[in-house]
């Protein structure tokens, strides 16, 4: 609508008396450029009309609606915009950019609220740890397949379970410390350290993407790590020195069948005792690697990155021959999932048994102590050192490892059979203490 030319400045009365068919009003003097329109519904709106210093074109920007915005407020805002224009900038452009920036902040806040700890962990796993497809090509993850599974188990077992539904941006140092200390309290120091390390890395990965956190966000795991160190909370395993004596082994073998361990966990412990293998190797054993005729169990991948063949004693062969009929792909699967049970379940179950006073009444022991007990027991029986080390699959060190390439497989078969027979004797012999002292 054409603008009514005023010789007088705008007034409250003039604006208040405007009708839908009224001409637009404009201010004069130092407030030139301020205009008022009256829409069909009678809404009166202040505008600032000016020529943009950037494009040279006429621009009209809305200031507010009358009477919510008074004439005095409109003039005051006009002065601010004029100051911007006189400095060579475009007020409308800057206002539009400010609105967009505010919308971006709101959208980022919304994303942060939806970005839970579980989402953070899934992002870390899927875009960094795991193998993935990029532009139709397979890209190897930061860990090997076995390591990928282990990281997933580590993060899902505790962080997702405890903090998974909370926004990752509101997690504090105290939240992380409480999580880690809770794991330590149940006796799983190594798991606690793994959780802290992987969760810290997950946060660092997400922070680096510059999408989910504010610029001043600090990784709470770094703060928690410093606090835990100051509190001298140990997150690494103590160097093991525990080996069960003959007497303790006899008590364990008598107690195990009727213990509160699950049937699968009992079988894992028994297999570890027969072979001296790591419980992590035992729980992941597959039937495709077991040859009952040759009496061997092939380990294609070990902690030392060297494949080897475990020689199985007759007791293990008899057990596996019967056990083969009741399982699928794996030797020791979960009855619920059919997949291998997790190694840490053995440690956690031992912790629960001690908590509930259901554990065997001997000095505290862990599943890995069984491996040390096998090695110590072999030496006690007179097994040569190089054969005992080969039984455990330890790499030969120094010049010996360079020149002695013999695998000692026949010797391992002989001494593991001696060891299995010895375990049988411990269970059947009434004079366990005498045996222990004699050896």
Protein backbone atom coordinates (compact mmCIF):
# COMPACT_ATOMS: atom_id res chain seq x y z
CA UNK A 1 0.00 0.00 0.00
CA UNK A 2 1.33 3.49 -0.76
CA UNK A 3 2.97 5.28 2.11
CA UNK A 4 1.25 8.32 3.53
CA UNK A 5 3.76 11.15 3.47
CA UNK A 6 4.02 12.64 6.94
CA UNK A 7 5.47 16.01 7.82
CA UNK A 8 5.23 15.07 11.48
CA UNK A 9 6.93 12.26 13.35
CA UNK A 10 4.92 9.10 14.06
CA UNK A 11 2.75 9.15 17.16
CA UNK A 12 0.91 6.62 19.28
CA UNK A 13 -2.40 8.17 18.31
CA UNK A 14 -1.69 8.01 14.58
CA UNK A 15 -0.69 4.35 14.77
CA UNK A 16 -3.55 3.39 17.08
CA UNK A 17 -6.10 4.93 14.72
CA UNK A 18 -4.88 2.99 11.64
CA UNK A 19 -7.45 0.77 9.91
CA UNK A 20 -6.97 -2.20 7.54
CA UNK A 21 -7.51 0.12 4.58
CA UNK A 22 -5.13 2.76 5.90
CA UNK A 23 -2.01 3.73 4.04
CA UNK A 24 1.33 2.76 5.51
CA UNK A 25 2.83 5.38 7.80
CA UNK A 26 6.49 6.39 7.85
CA UNK A 27 8.53 8.26 10.41
CA UNK A 28 10.58 11.37 9.73
CA UNK A 29 13.81 12.99 10.72
CA UNK A 30 16.34 10.86 12.52
CA UNK A 31 13.86 7.95 12.51
CA UNK A 32 13.40 7.99 8.77
CA UNK A 33 13.07 4.45 7.43
CA UNK A 34 10.68 3.34 10.20
CA UNK A 35 7.35 2.28 8.72
CA UNK A 36 4.09 0.95 10.07
CA UNK A 37 1.60 -1.23 8.18
CA UNK A 38 -1.89 -2.39 9.10
CA UNK A 39 -2.85 -5.83 7.80
CA UNK A 40 -6.30 -7.04 6.86
CA UNK A 41 -6.81 -8.44 10.34
CA UNK A 42 -5.90 -5.08 11.85
CA UNK A 43 -2.41 -6.16 12.95
CA UNK A 44 -0.01 -3.22 12.95
CA UNK A 45 3.62 -4.00 12.26
CA UNK A 46 6.82 -1.95 12.46
CA UNK A 47 9.34 -2.30 9.61
CA UNK A 48 12.73 -0.83 8.84
CA UNK A 49 13.13 -0.07 5.14
CA UNK A 50 16.60 0.76 3.80
CA UNK A 51 18.98 0.21 0.94
CA UNK A 52 21.37 -2.68 1.61
CA UNK A 53 25.04 -1.60 1.60
CA UNK A 54 25.90 -5.08 0.31
CA UNK A 55 23.58 -5.33 -2.72
CA UNK A 56 22.27 -1.78 -3.24
CA UNK A 57 18.72 -3.12 -3.22
CA UNK A 58 15.83 -2.04 -1.00
CA UNK A 59 15.37 -4.29 2.04
CA UNK A 60 12.48 -4.34 4.48
CA UNK A 61 12.94 -6.09 7.81
CA UNK A 62 10.29 -6.65 10.46
CA UNK A 63 10.90 -5.09 13.87
CA UNK A 64 7.77 -6.10 15.80
CA UNK A 65 4.01 -5.68 16.22
CA UNK A 66 2.17 -2.78 17.80
CA UNK A 67 1.23 -2.41 20.66
CA UNK A 68 3.40 -5.31 21.98
CA UNK A 69 6.28 -3.23 20.66
CA UNK A 70 5.83 0.41 21.53
CA UNK A 71 6.78 3.23 19.21
CA UNK A 72 9.65 4.08 21.58
CA UNK A 73 10.96 0.50 21.47
CA UNK A 74 10.66 0.43 17.67
CA UNK A 75 12.68 3.65 17.35
CA UNK A 76 15.32 2.35 19.76
CA UNK A 77 15.69 -0.88 17.75
CA UNK A 78 15.76 1.17 14.54
CA UNK A 79 18.74 3.12 15.84
CA UNK A 80 20.64 -0.12 16.47
CA UNK A 81 19.96 -1.40 12.95
CA UNK A 82 20.90 1.97 11.43
CA UNK A 83 24.19 1.84 13.29
CA UNK A 84 24.85 -1.59 11.76
CA UNK A 85 23.92 -0.31 8.27
CA UNK A 86 26.11 2.77 8.62
CA UNK A 87 29.07 0.48 9.37
CA UNK A 88 28.62 -1.14 5.94
CA UNK A 89 26.75 -4.24 7.11
CA UNK A 90 23.25 -5.43 6.34
CA UNK A 91 21.00 -5.70 9.45
CA UNK A 92 18.50 -8.05 7.78
CA UNK A 93 21.27 -10.40 6.67
CA UNK A 94 22.80 -10.47 10.13
CA UNK A 95 19.40 -11.02 11.75
CA UNK A 96 18.72 -13.89 9.38
CA UNK A 97 22.13 -15.39 10.14
CA UNK A 98 21.50 -15.00 13.87
CA UNK A 99 18.18 -16.84 13.56
CA UNK A 100 19.88 -19.64 11.62
CA UNK A 101 22.64 -19.83 14.23
CA UNK A 102 20.05 -20.05 17.00
CA UNK A 103 18.25 -22.80 15.12
CA UNK A 104 21.55 -24.67 14.75
CA UNK A 105 22.16 -24.37 18.49
CA UNK A 106 18.68 -25.71 19.23
CA UNK A 107 19.17 -28.55 16.76
CA UNK A 108 22.54 -29.36 18.30
CA UNK A 109 21.01 -29.39 21.79
CA UNK A 110 18.32 -31.72 20.51
CA UNK A 111 20.94 -34.03 18.99
CA UNK A 112 22.93 -33.97 22.21
CA UNK A 113 19.85 -35.00 24.19
CA UNK A 114 19.15 -37.86 21.79
CA UNK A 115 22.84 -38.89 21.69
CA UNK A 116 22.87 -41.33 24.58
CA UNK A 117 25.82 -43.26 25.98
CA UNK A 118 24.60 -46.29 24.05
CA UNK A 119 24.51 -44.24 20.82
CA UNK A 120 28.04 -43.01 21.56
CA UNK A 121 29.26 -46.58 22.05
CA UNK A 122 27.52 -47.81 18.89
CA UNK A 123 29.10 -44.95 16.92
CA UNK A 124 32.55 -45.87 18.23
CA UNK A 125 32.06 -49.54 17.44
CA UNK A 126 30.49 -49.17 14.00
CA UNK A 127 32.63 -46.34 12.64
CA UNK A 128 35.97 -47.12 14.25
CA UNK A 129 36.37 -50.52 15.91
CA UNK A 130 34.42 -52.79 13.52
CA UNK A 131 35.05 -53.66 9.87
CA UNK A 132 32.74 -51.56 7.67
CA UNK A 133 31.76 -50.80 4.10
CA UNK A 134 32.84 -47.41 2.67
CA UNK A 135 31.88 -46.54 -0.91
CA UNK A 136 31.34 -50.20 -1.65
CA UNK A 137 34.74 -51.22 -0.27
CA UNK A 138 35.41 -53.11 2.92
CA UNK A 139 37.53 -51.14 5.38
CA UNK A 140 39.25 -52.99 8.20
CA UNK A 141 38.36 -51.84 11.70
CA UNK A 142 40.81 -50.72 14.35
CA UNK A 143 40.76 -54.21 15.90
CA UNK A 144 40.87 -57.75 14.59
CA UNK A 145 37.54 -59.66 14.64
CA UNK A 146 38.25 -61.22 18.03
CA UNK A 147 39.21 -57.83 19.45
CA UNK A 148 36.09 -56.26 17.96
CA UNK A 149 33.92 -58.78 19.78
CA UNK A 150 35.79 -58.23 23.02
CA UNK A 151 35.41 -54.43 22.88
CA UNK A 152 31.69 -54.83 22.20
CA UNK A 153 31.30 -57.20 25.16
CA UNK A 154 33.30 -54.88 27.40
CA UNK A 155 31.21 -51.80 26.61
CA UNK A 156 27.83 -53.51 26.54
CA UNK A 157 28.36 -55.46 29.77
CA UNK A 158 28.74 -52.43 32.03
CA UNK A 159 28.59 -48.92 30.43
CA UNK A 160 25.50 -49.63 28.31
CA UNK A 161 23.82 -51.51 31.14
CA UNK A 162 24.42 -48.75 33.73
CA UNK A 163 24.57 -45.50 31.71
CA UNK A 164 23.21 -46.47 28.30
CA UNK A 165 19.99 -44.41 28.35
CA UNK A 166 21.55 -41.17 29.64
CA UNK A 167 22.62 -38.37 27.22
CA UNK A 168 26.35 -38.68 26.71
CA UNK A 169 26.76 -34.91 27.17
CA UNK A 170 25.48 -34.93 30.78
CA UNK A 171 27.70 -37.77 32.03
CA UNK A 172 30.07 -36.53 34.71
CA UNK A 173 33.38 -37.61 36.18
CA UNK A 174 31.45 -38.96 39.16
CA UNK A 175 29.26 -41.14 36.92
CA UNK A 176 32.32 -42.74 35.33
CA UNK A 177 34.14 -43.17 38.64
CA UNK A 178 31.10 -44.84 40.23
CA UNK A 179 30.81 -47.20 37.26
CA UNK A 180 34.47 -48.21 37.41
CA UNK A 181 34.57 -48.57 41.21
CA UNK A 182 31.47 -50.77 41.06
CA UNK A 183 33.29 -53.13 38.70
CA UNK A 184 36.37 -53.14 40.93
CA UNK A 185 34.22 -53.94 43.95
CA UNK A 186 33.07 -57.18 42.37
CA UNK A 187 36.70 -58.20 41.87
CA UNK A 188 36.99 -57.52 38.14
CA UNK A 189 39.90 -55.03 38.14
CA UNK A 190 40.94 -55.88 34.60
CA UNK A 191 37.40 -55.40 33.31
CA UNK A 192 37.26 -52.06 35.14
CA UNK A 193 40.43 -50.91 33.41
CA UNK A 194 39.17 -52.10 30.03
CA UNK A 195 35.86 -50.29 30.49
CA UNK A 196 37.58 -47.02 31.40
CA UNK A 197 40.03 -47.27 28.50
CA UNK A 198 37.44 -48.10 25.83
CA UNK A 199 34.83 -45.62 27.08
CA UNK A 200 37.46 -42.89 27.15
CA UNK A 201 38.36 -43.73 23.55
CA UNK A 202 34.68 -43.75 22.54
CA UNK A 203 34.20 -40.25 23.94
CA UNK A 204 37.38 -39.00 22.23
CA UNK A 205 36.17 -40.40 18.90
CA UNK A 206 32.76 -38.70 19.18
CA UNK A 207 34.27 -35.40 20.39
CA UNK A 208 36.56 -35.40 17.38
CA UNK A 209 33.56 -35.45 15.03
CA UNK A 210 32.54 -31.99 16.36
CA UNK A 211 28.83 -32.82 16.15
CA UNK A 212 27.56 -34.15 19.44
CA UNK A 213 29.21 -31.95 22.07
CA UNK A 214 29.80 -28.27 22.81
CA UNK A 215 33.24 -26.86 22.13
CA UNK A 216 34.00 -26.61 25.84
CA UNK A 217 32.93 -30.19 26.63
CA UNK A 218 35.56 -32.14 28.58
CA UNK A 219 35.82 -35.92 28.33
CA UNK A 220 34.52 -37.13 31.74
CA UNK A 221 36.59 -40.32 31.47
CA UNK A 222 39.83 -38.31 31.49
CA UNK A 223 38.77 -36.59 34.69
CA UNK A 224 37.65 -39.89 36.22
CA UNK A 225 40.93 -41.57 35.28
CA UNK A 226 42.91 -38.85 37.06
CA UNK A 227 40.71 -39.14 40.15
CA UNK A 228 40.97 -42.93 40.28
CA UNK A 229 44.73 -42.72 39.93
CA UNK A 230 44.88 -40.22 42.78
CA UNK A 231 42.75 -42.57 44.90
CA UNK A 232 45.22 -45.36 44.04
CA UNK A 233 42.51 -47.67 42.71
CA UNK A 234 44.27 -50.43 40.81
CA UNK A 235 42.79 -51.17 37.37
CA UNK A 236 45.39 -53.68 36.23
CA UNK A 237 45.81 -57.29 37.30
CA UNK A 238 48.14 -58.16 40.11
CA UNK A 239 50.99 -60.34 38.93
CA UNK A 240 49.73 -63.82 39.65
CA UNK A 241 51.60 -66.00 42.12
CA UNK A 242 48.81 -68.34 43.13
CA UNK A 243 49.19 -72.04 42.32
CA UNK A 244 46.99 -74.66 43.94
CA UNK A 245 48.74 -77.37 45.87
CA UNK A 246 47.96 -81.07 45.38
CA UNK A 247 45.78 -80.96 48.45
CA UNK A 248 43.87 -77.92 47.16
CA UNK A 249 43.49 -79.47 43.70
CA UNK A 250 42.01 -82.58 45.28
CA UNK A 251 39.55 -80.49 47.28
CA UNK A 252 38.64 -78.53 44.14
CA UNK A 253 38.04 -81.68 42.09
CA UNK A 254 35.86 -83.15 44.84
CA UNK A 255 33.90 -79.90 45.24
CA UNK A 256 33.48 -78.84 41.61
CA UNK A 257 30.76 -81.33 40.45
CA UNK A 258 28.35 -80.23 43.17
CA UNK A 259 29.30 -76.53 43.15
CA UNK A 260 27.09 -73.63 42.09
CA UNK A 261 29.02 -73.18 38.85
CA UNK A 262 26.85 -73.87 35.79
CA UNK A 263 27.42 -77.19 34.00
CA UNK A 264 29.15 -75.37 31.14
CA UNK A 265 31.41 -73.44 33.52
CA UNK A 266 32.35 -76.70 35.28
CA UNK A 267 33.30 -78.26 31.94
CA UNK A 268 35.47 -75.25 31.05
CA UNK A 269 37.29 -75.45 34.38
CA UNK A 270 37.86 -79.20 33.98
CA UNK A 271 39.17 -78.75 30.42
CA UNK A 272 41.52 -76.00 31.59
CA UNK A 273 42.83 -78.35 34.28
CA UNK A 274 43.42 -81.17 31.80
CA UNK A 275 45.24 -79.03 29.22
CA UNK A 276 46.72 -75.99 30.96
CA UNK A 277 45.10 -73.78 28.33
CA UNK A 278 43.82 -70.29 29.00
CA UNK A 279 40.14 -70.25 29.92
CA UNK A 280 39.65 -67.71 27.10
CA UNK A 281 40.92 -70.32 24.66
CA UNK A 282 38.73 -73.02 26.18
CA UNK A 283 35.45 -71.04 26.09
CA UNK A 284 35.95 -70.20 22.39
CA UNK A 285 36.91 -73.72 21.29
CA UNK A 286 35.16 -75.01 18.14
CA UNK A 287 34.59 -78.64 17.18
CA UNK A 288 36.10 -78.06 13.74
CA UNK A 289 39.47 -77.69 15.45
CA UNK A 290 39.22 -80.87 17.54
CA UNK A 291 40.45 -84.18 16.13
CA UNK A 292 39.34 -86.96 18.46
CA UNK A 293 41.22 -89.61 16.49
CA UNK A 294 44.52 -87.77 16.57
CA UNK A 295 43.74 -86.57 20.09
CA UNK A 296 44.57 -82.97 19.29
CA UNK A 297 42.92 -79.58 19.59
CA UNK A 298 44.14 -77.01 17.09
CA UNK A 299 44.49 -73.41 18.27
CA UNK A 300 44.77 -71.37 15.02
CA UNK A 301 45.17 -68.11 16.93
CA UNK A 302 46.74 -67.65 20.36
CA UNK A 303 47.81 -64.82 22.62
CA UNK A 304 51.35 -65.19 21.25
CA UNK A 305 50.04 -65.11 17.64
CA UNK A 306 51.46 -68.60 17.00
CA UNK A 307 49.16 -71.49 16.16
CA UNK A 308 49.69 -74.73 18.04
CA UNK A 309 48.21 -78.17 18.67
CA UNK A 310 47.16 -79.04 22.20
CA UNK A 311 47.69 -82.71 23.01
CA UNK A 312 44.61 -84.17 24.69
CA UNK A 313 44.91 -86.82 27.44
CA UNK A 314 42.65 -89.86 27.42
CA UNK A 315 40.39 -88.37 30.10
CA UNK A 316 39.69 -85.33 27.90
CA UNK A 317 39.06 -87.56 24.86
CA UNK A 318 36.54 -89.68 26.75
CA UNK A 319 34.74 -86.56 27.97
CA UNK A 320 34.69 -84.89 24.52
CA UNK A 321 33.50 -88.05 22.77
CA UNK A 322 30.43 -88.10 24.99
CA UNK A 323 30.05 -84.31 25.08
CA UNK A 324 30.12 -84.05 21.27
CA UNK A 325 26.56 -85.38 21.08
CA UNK A 326 25.09 -82.53 23.12
CA UNK A 327 26.54 -79.39 21.50
CA UNK A 328 26.64 -77.62 18.15
CA UNK A 329 29.46 -75.56 16.66
CA UNK A 330 31.21 -74.85 19.94
CA UNK A 331 32.48 -77.14 22.67
CA UNK A 332 31.13 -75.06 25.53
CA UNK A 333 28.18 -72.96 24.30
CA UNK A 334 25.67 -71.04 26.35
CA UNK A 335 22.45 -72.99 26.77
CA UNK A 336 20.53 -69.80 25.98
CA UNK A 337 22.33 -68.47 22.89
CA UNK A 338 24.33 -71.41 21.55
CA UNK A 339 27.34 -69.07 21.42
CA UNK A 340 30.48 -69.40 23.55
CA UNK A 341 30.11 -68.23 27.12
CA UNK A 342 32.19 -65.22 28.08
CA UNK A 343 35.45 -65.82 29.87
CA UNK A 344 34.68 -63.16 32.48
CA UNK A 345 31.59 -65.13 33.56
CA UNK A 346 33.94 -67.51 35.36
CA UNK A 347 35.51 -64.68 37.37
CA UNK A 348 32.16 -63.06 38.08
CA UNK A 349 30.64 -66.36 39.18
CA UNK A 350 33.58 -66.94 41.52
CA UNK A 351 32.98 -63.48 43.01
CA UNK A 352 29.29 -64.27 43.55
CA UNK A 353 30.11 -67.62 45.17
CA UNK A 354 32.46 -65.92 47.63
CA UNK A 355 29.87 -63.22 48.34
CA UNK A 356 27.24 -65.87 49.07
CA UNK A 357 29.65 -68.10 51.06
CA UNK A 358 29.33 -70.90 48.50
CA UNK A 359 32.95 -70.97 47.37
CA UNK A 360 35.36 -73.77 48.16
CA UNK A 361 37.00 -73.04 51.51
CA UNK A 362 40.59 -72.61 50.35
CA UNK A 363 42.76 -69.55 49.76
CA UNK A 364 41.22 -67.27 47.11
CA UNK A 365 41.91 -68.39 43.53
CA UNK A 366 40.96 -67.33 40.00
CA UNK A 367 40.37 -69.39 36.84
CA UNK A 368 43.75 -68.27 35.47
CA UNK A 369 45.43 -69.69 38.58
CA UNK A 370 44.50 -73.13 37.24
CA UNK A 371 46.88 -72.60 34.32
CA UNK A 372 49.66 -71.70 36.75
CA UNK A 373 48.72 -74.71 38.86
CA UNK A 374 49.10 -77.03 35.85
CA UNK A 375 52.54 -75.61 35.06
CA UNK A 376 53.67 -75.81 38.70
CA UNK A 377 52.20 -79.28 39.07
CA UNK A 378 54.08 -80.55 36.00
CA UNK A 379 57.36 -79.30 37.46
CA UNK A 380 56.46 -80.94 40.76
CA UNK A 381 56.04 -84.25 38.89
CA UNK A 382 59.45 -83.88 37.23
CA UNK A 383 58.41 -82.56 33.80
CA UNK A 384 61.36 -80.92 31.96
CA UNK A 385 61.14 -77.13 31.83
CA UNK A 386 61.06 -76.87 28.03
CA UNK A 387 58.20 -79.39 27.86
CA UNK A 388 56.24 -77.60 30.60
CA UNK A 389 56.59 -74.31 28.70
CA UNK A 390 55.49 -76.01 25.47
CA UNK A 391 52.41 -77.40 27.23
CA UNK A 392 51.35 -73.83 28.02
CA UNK A 393 52.25 -72.60 24.54
CA UNK A 394 54.78 -70.08 25.79
CA UNK A 395 57.15 -68.68 23.19
CA UNK A 396 60.81 -69.55 23.56
CA UNK A 397 62.87 -66.54 24.49
CA UNK A 398 66.21 -65.24 23.25
CA UNK A 399 68.68 -67.41 21.37
CA UNK A 400 66.75 -70.55 22.30
CA UNK A 401 63.73 -69.31 20.38
CA UNK A 402 65.93 -68.63 17.37
CA UNK A 403 67.56 -72.05 17.16
CA UNK A 404 65.31 -74.56 18.96
CA UNK A 405 62.32 -74.95 16.63
CA UNK A 406 61.14 -78.27 18.06
CA UNK A 407 57.46 -78.13 19.16
CA UNK A 408 57.74 -80.92 21.78
CA UNK A 409 54.35 -82.33 20.78
CA UNK A 410 55.15 -86.01 21.66
CA UNK A 411 56.60 -84.90 24.99
CA UNK A 412 53.56 -82.69 25.68
CA UNK A 413 51.24 -85.63 25.00
CA UNK A 414 53.22 -87.81 27.41
CA UNK A 415 53.32 -85.30 30.25
CA UNK A 416 49.73 -84.12 29.91
CA UNK A 417 48.67 -87.74 30.25
CA UNK A 418 50.85 -88.03 33.34
CA UNK A 419 49.21 -84.89 34.67
CA UNK A 420 45.63 -86.11 33.96
CA UNK A 421 46.41 -89.42 35.66
CA UNK A 422 47.82 -87.47 38.59
CA UNK A 423 44.55 -85.51 38.91
CA UNK A 424 42.61 -88.78 38.93
CA UNK A 425 44.90 -90.09 41.65
CA UNK A 426 44.34 -86.97 43.75
CA UNK A 427 40.59 -87.54 43.68
CA UNK A 428 40.77 -91.24 44.46
CA UNK A 429 43.63 -91.19 46.97
CA UNK A 430 42.63 -90.88 50.62
CA UNK A 431 46.00 -89.49 51.65
CA UNK A 432 45.90 -86.22 49.74
CA UNK A 433 48.01 -84.33 52.23
CA UNK A 434 50.71 -86.99 52.10
CA UNK A 435 50.83 -86.73 48.30
CA UNK A 436 51.09 -82.96 48.49
CA UNK A 437 53.91 -83.09 50.97
CA UNK A 438 55.72 -85.83 49.07
CA UNK A 439 55.68 -83.82 45.86
